[in-house]
């Protein structure tokens, strides 16, 4: 079975969905929110 995911995992909306009703002050939220810009700079 193939799953077609057309969602961009680097969009802010995806991060908001993952961390909905969770502690956003924790470091993981900040890392996820900034991961796309970090990836671009590293390339």
C-alpha atoms as a PDB file:
ATOM      1  CA  UNK A   1       0.000   0.000   0.000  1.00  0.00           C
ATOM      2  CA  UNK A   2       1.408   3.377  -1.006  1.00  0.00           C
ATOM      3  CA  UNK A   3       0.472   6.464   0.943  1.00  0.00           C
ATOM      4  CA  UNK A   4       0.495   9.728  -0.968  1.00  0.00           C
ATOM      5  CA  UNK A   5       1.469  12.569   1.342  1.00  0.00           C
ATOM      6  CA  UNK A   6       1.229  15.933  -0.331  1.00  0.00           C
ATOM      7  CA  UNK A   7       1.896  17.901   2.850  1.00  0.00           C
ATOM      8  CA  UNK A   8       5.081  19.899   3.200  1.00  0.00           C
ATOM      9  CA  UNK A   9       6.514  18.795   6.545  1.00  0.00           C
ATOM     10  CA  UNK A  10       8.577  21.973   6.833  1.00  0.00           C
ATOM     11  CA  UNK A  11       5.613  24.346   6.851  1.00  0.00           C
ATOM     12  CA  UNK A  12       4.708  26.137  10.056  1.00  0.00           C
ATOM     13  CA  UNK A  13       1.200  24.673   9.979  1.00  0.00           C
ATOM     14  CA  UNK A  14       2.603  21.145  10.306  1.00  0.00           C
ATOM     15  CA  UNK A  15       4.677  22.124  13.349  1.00  0.00           C
ATOM     16  CA  UNK A  16       1.632  23.763  14.915  1.00  0.00           C
ATOM     17  CA  UNK A  17      -0.380  20.578  14.354  1.00  0.00           C
ATOM     18  CA  UNK A  18       2.276  18.347  15.923  1.00  0.00           C
ATOM     19  CA  UNK A  19       2.603  20.581  18.981  1.00  0.00           C
ATOM     20  CA  UNK A  20      -1.102  21.340  19.421  1.00  0.00           C
ATOM     21  CA  UNK A  21      -1.988  21.193  23.137  1.00  0.00           C
ATOM     22  CA  UNK A  22       1.652  20.574  24.062  1.00  0.00           C
ATOM     23  CA  UNK A  23       4.342  22.589  25.775  1.00  0.00           C
ATOM     24  CA  UNK A  24       5.774  24.927  23.132  1.00  0.00           C
ATOM     25  CA  UNK A  25       8.269  26.425  25.581  1.00  0.00           C
ATOM     26  CA  UNK A  26      10.198  23.151  25.429  1.00  0.00           C
ATOM     27  CA  UNK A  27      13.202  23.055  23.076  1.00  0.00           C
ATOM     28  CA  UNK A  28      11.767  20.550  20.597  1.00  0.00           C
ATOM     29  CA  UNK A  29       9.168  23.026  19.337  1.00  0.00           C
ATOM     30  CA  UNK A  30      11.818  25.656  18.645  1.00  0.00           C
ATOM     31  CA  UNK A  31      14.023  23.144  16.832  1.00  0.00           C
ATOM     32  CA  UNK A  32      11.139  21.973  14.634  1.00  0.00           C
ATOM     33  CA  UNK A  33      10.045  25.532  13.908  1.00  0.00           C
ATOM     34  CA  UNK A  34      13.560  26.512  12.807  1.00  0.00           C
ATOM     35  CA  UNK A  35      14.574  23.246  11.119  1.00  0.00           C
ATOM     36  CA  UNK A  36      13.869  24.318   7.537  1.00  0.00           C
ATOM     37  CA  UNK A  37      15.998  27.457   7.802  1.00  0.00           C
ATOM     38  CA  UNK A  38      18.774  25.481   9.506  1.00  0.00           C
ATOM     39  CA  UNK A  39      18.682  22.902   6.701  1.00  0.00           C
ATOM     40  CA  UNK A  40      18.897  25.577   4.014  1.00  0.00           C
ATOM     41  CA  UNK A  41      21.872  27.240   5.703  1.00  0.00           C
ATOM     42  CA  UNK A  42      23.700  23.934   6.108  1.00  0.00           C
ATOM     43  CA  UNK A  43      23.392  23.124   2.404  1.00  0.00           C
END
